[in-house]
Amino acid sequence: MDGGGRVLEPLIAGFPGGHGDRMGAARAAAPGTTGSAIPWAGLARWVVSPAAALGLRRRSVSVPLAHRLPPLLGTGLTLGFFGAVGIYGLALGGHYGAVREAVGEPRDIVAKAFGFGLNRITISGLATLSEREVLAAAGISPKVSLPFLGAADIRERLERLPLVRGATVRKLYPNELAIGLVERIPFAIWQKDGDLRVVAADGTAIDALRDPRLAGLPLVVGDMANLRAPEYLALLDAAGPLRSKIRAGMLVSGRRWTLKMANGVDVRLPEQDAAPALARLVRLDREGHILDKDVLAIDLRMPDRVVFRLTEEAAAARIESTKKKLQRGQKGVET
């Protein structure tokens, strides 16, 4: 062994321990031969390790190959090999599609085996939507893994929801997904051409009315009524005690509002100063309960008078009552 702890072996034929070395020794010992013996051992030490030949020790330490490999490499290669064999067997047997549908893509299975599954999902900003609706729209299920989720794709799918104004998606390794939503707040229900749509405060149509949770929102009717929904809500506030009796607001010719009362009465408001006219209605109903009378419409468009349109029965009864009054009056004149 040399100074570095290595066992010397001959580099070429003729080095100590080799076949050539024995042949040279035989020639040197044979009668009649000339020359001197070559110090092969010293030469071999110089060729193999000059530092060892000079008596110097090596400072580097040889590291075993097993310590140079990444941890769990053998486990990963083994799992990958058996996974590939299993997938190949399933493909040959015609069961690959069914297995993929049941447990997910092979890449997701491998990623989850290494600890990159989707174990935690955080959703912030929920107002109207539910967590189940968000996950369904994002296409997230227990079969997926975090490395192969496309954050941009999930964000685009979420922003296609009418109720979502904006979304952010972040992957937090090894196994967490964070979703942030900014929802459009449902403000009113807009009826046009028989269709009911949920609208935001700026008039943007969010979606068709499908959710029964939104059925209690204020109802506006007519062309462009969605853009003036905040104006209608201000009238509801001005109605005070009559607010619960107002069923909808109909925008007429894009200029003025007609209030549809719950008992079927129409209250026609002026284009200007609608709030003071509504205050007159509140006072009249408080004093005479006019909304409980047999009327079809109450016209408040003129500031100095109120015009009533009666039902057919009430109109007939009023006509009959007027005739009787006239007849009594005529008899009184004759006498």
Foldseek 3Di string as FASTA:
>chain_A
DFQAPDDFDDPDACAPPHPNVVVVVVQVPDPPDDDDDDPRVLVSCCVVDVCRSVVHYDDDDDDDPVVVDDPCPVVLVVVVVVLVVVCVVCVVVVNNVVVCVVQHDSVQVSLVVVPQFADEEAEPADDPDDPVVLCVQLVDDRNGGQVPRDQVSSFVSNCVQLQFVGKGWDGDPRHYIYIYTHTADFAAWEDEPRFIFTAGQQLHTRGGPDDPVCPPHAYEYDPPRSRCVVVVVVLLVLLVPCNVQFRHWYQDPVQFIWTQGNVQEIEGAASPPRSVLSVVVSVCCVVPVVVPDQFNYWYSHDPPDIDTHGDPVVVVVVVVVVVVVVVVVVVVVVD
